[in-house]
Amino acid sequence: MKGVNHERFNTLTMTSISFYIVSLGLPCVDVIMFWLHGMFHTYLLPPDVDTKSRASRRLGFLGKIFYTVFTHRKILHNPVFWTMIYIVAYVRFETWWIAGGVLAIYLHIWTDALSTKVKRLNPF
């Protein structure tokens, strides 16, 4: 899946879930934190920041460091890596903030896996 498609899918999904969470009566501050952190991991720090992607270009010099240090679809596409990062972060941050980041990352990894399987099934 191309980066722009990841961005569209994540934005649509995160926004839809945010509206659903608001309808459940959660405080707007929590929902805003959820959505903003999801957008951060969609547009600035997605798993594809290890490539010459739109996100790595947005990060400038820091994006070049990610591209140089990490191999594509290795550590940054590993759900265990992100789970460990957010277990550590859970001690310091709000639950909804963490949930937004985790969901955005997992949506990216899931759509990558799904699109790869579809491409392998397509004989053309």
N, C-alpha and C. Protein backbone atom coordinates (compact mmCIF):
# COMPACT_ATOMS: atom_id res chain seq x y z
N MET A 1 0.84 -1.17 0.00
CA MET A 1 0.00 0.00 0.00
C MET A 1 0.89 1.24 0.00
N LYS A 2 0.55 2.21 -0.79
CA LYS A 2 1.34 3.44 -0.88
C LYS A 2 1.07 4.32 0.34
N GLY A 3 2.04 5.18 0.63
CA GLY A 3 1.96 6.05 1.81
C GLY A 3 0.71 6.91 1.84
N VAL A 4 0.34 7.48 0.71
CA VAL A 4 -0.85 8.33 0.68
C VAL A 4 -2.10 7.52 1.01
N ASN A 5 -2.14 6.27 0.61
CA ASN A 5 -3.28 5.41 0.94
C ASN A 5 -3.30 5.07 2.43
N HIS A 6 -2.13 4.82 3.01
CA HIS A 6 -2.06 4.62 4.45
C HIS A 6 -2.59 5.84 5.18
N GLU A 7 -2.17 7.01 4.73
CA GLU A 7 -2.60 8.25 5.37
C GLU A 7 -4.11 8.43 5.28
N ARG A 8 -4.67 8.18 4.12
CA ARG A 8 -6.12 8.32 3.94
C ARG A 8 -6.87 7.31 4.80
N PHE A 9 -6.43 6.05 4.75
CA PHE A 9 -7.11 5.00 5.51
C PHE A 9 -7.03 5.30 7.01
N ASN A 10 -5.84 5.64 7.51
CA ASN A 10 -5.70 5.92 8.94
C ASN A 10 -6.52 7.14 9.35
N THR A 11 -6.50 8.19 8.54
CA THR A 11 -7.24 9.40 8.88
C THR A 11 -8.74 9.10 8.94
N LEU A 12 -9.24 8.39 7.96
CA LEU A 12 -10.66 8.03 7.95
C LEU A 12 -11.02 7.15 9.14
N THR A 13 -10.20 6.15 9.40
CA THR A 13 -10.49 5.22 10.50
C THR A 13 -10.38 5.91 11.85
N MET A 14 -9.31 6.68 12.06
CA MET A 14 -9.12 7.35 13.34
C MET A 14 -10.22 8.39 13.59
N THR A 15 -10.63 9.09 12.55
CA THR A 15 -11.69 10.09 12.69
C THR A 15 -13.02 9.42 13.00
N SER A 16 -13.32 8.33 12.30
CA SER A 16 -14.57 7.60 12.55
C SER A 16 -14.61 7.06 13.98
N ILE A 17 -13.52 6.48 14.42
CA ILE A 17 -13.46 5.94 15.78
C ILE A 17 -13.56 7.07 16.80
N SER A 18 -12.96 8.21 16.50
CA SER A 18 -13.04 9.36 17.41
C SER A 18 -14.49 9.82 17.58
N PHE A 19 -15.23 9.90 16.48
CA PHE A 19 -16.64 10.29 16.59
C PHE A 19 -17.43 9.25 17.38
N TYR A 20 -17.10 7.99 17.19
CA TYR A 20 -17.78 6.94 17.95
C TYR A 20 -17.48 7.08 19.44
N ILE A 21 -16.22 7.34 19.77
CA ILE A 21 -15.83 7.49 21.18
C ILE A 21 -16.55 8.69 21.80
N VAL A 22 -16.68 9.78 21.05
CA VAL A 22 -17.41 10.95 21.54
C VAL A 22 -18.86 10.57 21.82
N SER A 23 -19.45 9.77 20.93
CA SER A 23 -20.85 9.37 21.12
C SER A 23 -21.03 8.51 22.37
N LEU A 24 -19.96 7.88 22.86
CA LEU A 24 -20.04 7.09 24.09
C LEU A 24 -20.00 7.96 25.33
N GLY A 25 -19.69 9.24 25.13
CA GLY A 25 -19.69 10.18 26.24
C GLY A 25 -18.35 10.41 26.89
N LEU A 26 -17.27 9.99 26.25
CA LEU A 26 -15.94 10.25 26.81
C LEU A 26 -15.61 11.74 26.70
N PRO A 27 -14.80 12.23 27.61
CA PRO A 27 -14.43 13.65 27.55
C PRO A 27 -13.73 13.99 26.24
N CYS A 28 -14.05 15.15 25.70
CA CYS A 28 -13.48 15.58 24.41
C CYS A 28 -11.97 15.67 24.45
N VAL A 29 -11.40 16.02 25.61
CA VAL A 29 -9.94 16.11 25.73
C VAL A 29 -9.30 14.75 25.44
N ASP A 30 -9.89 13.69 25.98
CA ASP A 30 -9.36 12.34 25.73
C ASP A 30 -9.44 11.97 24.26
N VAL A 31 -10.56 12.30 23.64
CA VAL A 31 -10.76 11.97 22.23
C VAL A 31 -9.79 12.77 21.36
N ILE A 32 -9.58 14.02 21.69
CA ILE A 32 -8.63 14.85 20.94
C ILE A 32 -7.22 14.28 21.07
N MET A 33 -6.84 13.87 22.27
CA MET A 33 -5.51 13.26 22.48
C MET A 33 -5.37 11.99 21.66
N PHE A 34 -6.42 11.17 21.65
CA PHE A 34 -6.44 9.93 20.88
C PHE A 34 -6.21 10.24 19.40
N TRP A 35 -7.00 11.18 18.86
CA TRP A 35 -6.93 11.51 17.44
C TRP A 35 -5.59 12.15 17.07
N LEU A 36 -5.11 13.09 17.88
CA LEU A 36 -3.86 13.78 17.57
C LEU A 36 -2.67 12.82 17.56
N HIS A 37 -2.63 11.91 18.52
CA HIS A 37 -1.51 10.97 18.54
C HIS A 37 -1.61 10.00 17.37
N GLY A 38 -2.82 9.63 16.99
CA GLY A 38 -2.99 8.80 15.80
C GLY A 38 -2.51 9.51 14.54
N MET A 39 -2.81 10.80 14.44
CA MET A 39 -2.36 11.57 13.28
C MET A 39 -0.84 11.76 13.29
N PHE A 40 -0.25 11.88 14.48
CA PHE A 40 1.19 11.97 14.59
C PHE A 40 1.84 10.72 14.00
N HIS A 41 1.29 9.54 14.35
CA HIS A 41 1.86 8.30 13.83
C HIS A 41 1.41 8.00 12.40
N THR A 42 0.46 8.72 11.90
CA THR A 42 0.05 8.57 10.51
C THR A 42 0.91 9.43 9.59
N TYR A 43 1.14 10.68 9.99
CA TYR A 43 1.80 11.63 9.10
C TYR A 43 3.29 11.87 9.40
N LEU A 44 3.72 11.70 10.65
CA LEU A 44 5.11 12.01 10.97
C LEU A 44 5.95 10.80 11.34
N LEU A 45 5.40 9.85 12.07
CA LEU A 45 6.21 8.73 12.53
C LEU A 45 5.51 7.39 12.31
N PRO A 46 5.17 7.07 11.06
CA PRO A 46 4.60 5.75 10.78
C PRO A 46 5.71 4.72 10.65
N PRO A 47 5.38 3.45 10.57
CA PRO A 47 6.41 2.43 10.37
C PRO A 47 7.22 2.62 9.10
N ASP A 48 6.69 3.31 8.10
CA ASP A 48 7.41 3.51 6.84
C ASP A 48 8.39 4.68 6.88
N VAL A 49 8.66 5.23 8.05
CA VAL A 49 9.62 6.32 8.15
C VAL A 49 11.03 5.80 7.85
N ASP A 50 11.18 4.47 7.77
CA ASP A 50 12.48 3.87 7.44
C ASP A 50 12.71 3.79 5.94
N THR A 51 11.86 4.41 5.16
CA THR A 51 12.03 4.47 3.70
C THR A 51 12.09 5.94 3.28
N LYS A 52 12.29 6.16 2.01
CA LYS A 52 12.22 7.54 1.51
C LYS A 52 10.75 7.89 1.27
N SER A 53 10.01 7.93 2.36
CA SER A 53 8.56 8.13 2.29
C SER A 53 8.21 9.60 2.51
N ARG A 54 6.93 9.88 2.37
CA ARG A 54 6.44 11.23 2.62
C ARG A 54 6.72 11.63 4.07
N ALA A 55 6.55 10.69 4.99
CA ALA A 55 6.79 10.98 6.40
C ALA A 55 8.25 11.30 6.67
N SER A 56 9.16 10.54 6.07
CA SER A 56 10.59 10.82 6.31
C SER A 56 10.99 12.16 5.70
N ARG A 57 10.37 12.54 4.59
CA ARG A 57 10.64 13.87 4.02
C ARG A 57 10.09 14.97 4.93
N ARG A 58 8.95 14.72 5.54
CA ARG A 58 8.39 15.71 6.47
C ARG A 58 9.29 15.91 7.68
N LEU A 59 9.97 14.85 8.10
CA LEU A 59 10.85 14.93 9.27
C LEU A 59 12.20 15.55 8.95
N GLY A 60 12.52 15.68 7.66
CA GLY A 60 13.78 16.31 7.26
C GLY A 60 14.99 15.48 7.67
N PHE A 61 15.90 16.11 8.41
CA PHE A 61 17.14 15.45 8.80
C PHE A 61 16.87 14.22 9.67
N LEU A 62 15.90 14.31 10.57
CA LEU A 62 15.56 13.16 11.41
C LEU A 62 15.06 11.99 10.56
N GLY A 63 14.31 12.29 9.50
CA GLY A 63 13.85 11.25 8.58
C GLY A 63 15.01 10.55 7.89
N LYS A 64 16.05 11.31 7.55
CA LYS A 64 17.24 10.71 6.94
C LYS A 64 17.95 9.78 7.92
N ILE A 65 17.94 10.14 9.19
CA ILE A 65 18.53 9.26 10.20
C ILE A 65 17.76 7.95 10.29
N PHE A 66 16.42 8.03 10.35
CA PHE A 66 15.60 6.82 10.38
C PHE A 66 15.88 5.95 9.15
N TYR A 67 15.94 6.59 7.99
CA TYR A 67 16.17 5.86 6.74
C TYR A 67 17.52 5.15 6.75
N THR A 68 18.52 5.79 7.33
CA THR A 68 19.87 5.24 7.37
C THR A 68 19.99 4.11 8.39
N VAL A 69 19.37 4.27 9.55
CA VAL A 69 19.55 3.33 10.66
C VAL A 69 18.68 2.07 10.52
N PHE A 70 17.45 2.23 10.08
CA PHE A 70 16.51 1.11 10.07
C PHE A 70 16.35 0.51 8.68
N THR A 71 16.16 -0.79 8.63
CA THR A 71 15.87 -1.51 7.40
C THR A 71 14.36 -1.60 7.24
N HIS A 72 13.86 -1.44 6.01
CA HIS A 72 12.42 -1.43 5.79
C HIS A 72 11.78 -2.77 6.14
N ARG A 73 10.64 -2.66 6.80
CA ARG A 73 9.82 -3.79 7.24
C ARG A 73 10.54 -4.73 8.20
N LYS A 74 11.41 -4.17 8.98
CA LYS A 74 12.05 -4.95 10.04
C LYS A 74 11.51 -4.46 11.38
N ILE A 75 12.29 -3.78 12.17
CA ILE A 75 11.92 -3.41 13.53
C ILE A 75 10.71 -2.47 13.60
N LEU A 76 10.64 -1.49 12.70
CA LEU A 76 9.53 -0.53 12.76
C LEU A 76 8.20 -1.11 12.28
N HIS A 77 8.23 -2.25 11.65
CA HIS A 77 7.00 -2.94 11.25
C HIS A 77 6.69 -4.11 12.18
N ASN A 78 7.38 -4.18 13.29
CA ASN A 78 7.20 -5.27 14.23
C ASN A 78 6.24 -4.83 15.34
N PRO A 79 5.07 -5.46 15.45
CA PRO A 79 4.11 -5.07 16.49
C PRO A 79 4.67 -5.23 17.91
N VAL A 80 5.56 -6.20 18.11
CA VAL A 80 6.14 -6.40 19.44
C VAL A 80 6.98 -5.18 19.84
N PHE A 81 7.73 -4.62 18.89
CA PHE A 81 8.52 -3.42 19.15
C PHE A 81 7.62 -2.28 19.65
N TRP A 82 6.54 -2.02 18.92
CA TRP A 82 5.65 -0.92 19.30
C TRP A 82 4.92 -1.22 20.59
N THR A 83 4.58 -2.47 20.84
CA THR A 83 3.93 -2.83 22.10
C THR A 83 4.86 -2.53 23.27
N MET A 84 6.13 -2.89 23.13
CA MET A 84 7.10 -2.63 24.19
C MET A 84 7.27 -1.11 24.40
N ILE A 85 7.34 -0.36 23.32
CA ILE A 85 7.47 1.10 23.44
C ILE A 85 6.28 1.67 24.23
N TYR A 86 5.09 1.20 23.91
CA TYR A 86 3.91 1.76 24.56
C TYR A 86 3.66 1.20 25.95
N ILE A 87 4.20 0.05 26.27
CA ILE A 87 4.13 -0.43 27.66
C ILE A 87 4.97 0.50 28.54
N VAL A 88 6.14 0.87 28.05
CA VAL A 88 6.99 1.82 28.77
C VAL A 88 6.31 3.19 28.84
N ALA A 89 5.74 3.63 27.74
CA ALA A 89 5.10 4.95 27.70
C ALA A 89 3.85 5.01 28.58
N TYR A 90 3.19 3.88 28.79
CA TYR A 90 1.94 3.84 29.56
C TYR A 90 2.14 4.39 30.97
N VAL A 91 3.34 4.24 31.51
CA VAL A 91 3.63 4.72 32.85
C VAL A 91 3.51 6.25 32.92
N ARG A 92 3.84 6.93 31.82
CA ARG A 92 3.89 8.40 31.84
C ARG A 92 2.70 9.10 31.19
N PHE A 93 2.00 8.44 30.31
CA PHE A 93 1.01 9.14 29.50
C PHE A 93 -0.41 8.60 29.70
N GLU A 94 -1.35 9.38 29.25
CA GLU A 94 -2.76 9.03 29.34
C GLU A 94 -3.12 7.84 28.44
N THR A 95 -4.09 7.09 28.85
CA THR A 95 -4.51 5.89 28.13
C THR A 95 -4.97 6.22 26.71
N TRP A 96 -5.76 7.27 26.53
CA TRP A 96 -6.29 7.58 25.20
C TRP A 96 -5.21 8.07 24.26
N TRP A 97 -4.21 8.75 24.80
CA TRP A 97 -3.08 9.19 23.98
C TRP A 97 -2.36 7.96 23.44
N ILE A 98 -2.12 7.00 24.29
CA ILE A 98 -1.43 5.77 23.89
C ILE A 98 -2.29 4.99 22.90
N ALA A 99 -3.58 4.89 23.17
CA ALA A 99 -4.47 4.13 22.28
C ALA A 99 -4.45 4.70 20.86
N GLY A 100 -4.39 6.00 20.71
CA GLY A 100 -4.34 6.60 19.38
C GLY A 100 -3.09 6.22 18.63
N GLY A 101 -1.95 6.26 19.30
CA GLY A 101 -0.69 5.87 18.66
C GLY A 101 -0.65 4.40 18.31
N VAL A 102 -1.09 3.58 19.24
CA VAL A 102 -1.09 2.13 19.01
C VAL A 102 -2.00 1.78 17.84
N LEU A 103 -3.18 2.36 17.80
CA LEU A 103 -4.12 2.05 16.72
C LEU A 103 -3.56 2.47 15.37
N ALA A 104 -2.99 3.66 15.29
CA ALA A 104 -2.43 4.13 14.01
C ALA A 104 -1.32 3.21 13.53
N ILE A 105 -0.43 2.82 14.41
CA ILE A 105 0.68 1.92 14.05
C ILE A 105 0.14 0.57 13.61
N TYR A 106 -0.78 0.01 14.39
CA TYR A 106 -1.31 -1.32 14.06
C TYR A 106 -2.13 -1.31 12.78
N LEU A 107 -2.87 -0.22 12.52
CA LEU A 107 -3.60 -0.11 11.25
C LEU A 107 -2.62 -0.14 10.08
N HIS A 108 -1.51 0.55 10.22
CA HIS A 108 -0.49 0.58 9.16
C HIS A 108 0.07 -0.82 8.92
N ILE A 109 0.47 -1.48 9.99
CA ILE A 109 1.06 -2.82 9.86
C ILE A 109 0.04 -3.79 9.29
N TRP A 110 -1.20 -3.70 9.75
CA TRP A 110 -2.25 -4.61 9.28
C TRP A 110 -2.54 -4.38 7.79
N THR A 111 -2.64 -3.13 7.36
CA THR A 111 -2.92 -2.88 5.94
C THR A 111 -1.74 -3.28 5.06
N ASP A 112 -0.51 -3.13 5.56
CA ASP A 112 0.66 -3.62 4.82
C ASP A 112 0.58 -5.13 4.62
N ALA A 113 0.28 -5.85 5.69
CA ALA A 113 0.20 -7.31 5.61
C ALA A 113 -0.92 -7.73 4.67
N LEU A 114 -2.06 -7.08 4.77
CA LEU A 114 -3.19 -7.42 3.92
C LEU A 114 -2.90 -7.12 2.45
N SER A 115 -2.34 -5.95 2.16
CA SER A 115 -2.07 -5.62 0.76
C SER A 115 -0.99 -6.53 0.17
N THR A 116 -0.03 -6.95 0.98
CA THR A 116 0.99 -7.88 0.51
C THR A 116 0.37 -9.22 0.15
N LYS A 117 -0.56 -9.70 0.96
CA LYS A 117 -1.23 -10.98 0.66
C LYS A 117 -2.07 -10.87 -0.60
N VAL A 118 -2.76 -9.75 -0.76
CA VAL A 118 -3.58 -9.57 -1.96
C VAL A 118 -2.71 -9.53 -3.20
N LYS A 119 -1.57 -8.83 -3.13
CA LYS A 119 -0.66 -8.76 -4.27
C LYS A 119 -0.13 -10.14 -4.64
N ARG A 120 0.11 -10.97 -3.65
CA ARG A 120 0.62 -12.32 -3.94
C ARG A 120 -0.43 -13.21 -4.57
N LEU A 121 -1.70 -12.95 -4.25
CA LEU A 121 -2.79 -13.74 -4.84
C LEU A 121 -3.11 -13.31 -6.27
N ASN A 122 -2.81 -12.06 -6.61
CA ASN A 122 -3.13 -11.54 -7.93
C ASN A 122 -2.12 -12.05 -8.96
N PRO A 123 -2.56 -12.81 -9.95
CA PRO A 123 -1.62 -13.37 -10.92
C PRO A 123 -1.14 -12.36 -11.96
N PHE A 124 -1.73 -11.17 -12.01
CA PHE A 124 -1.37 -10.19 -13.04
C PHE A 124 -0.44 -9.16 -12.52
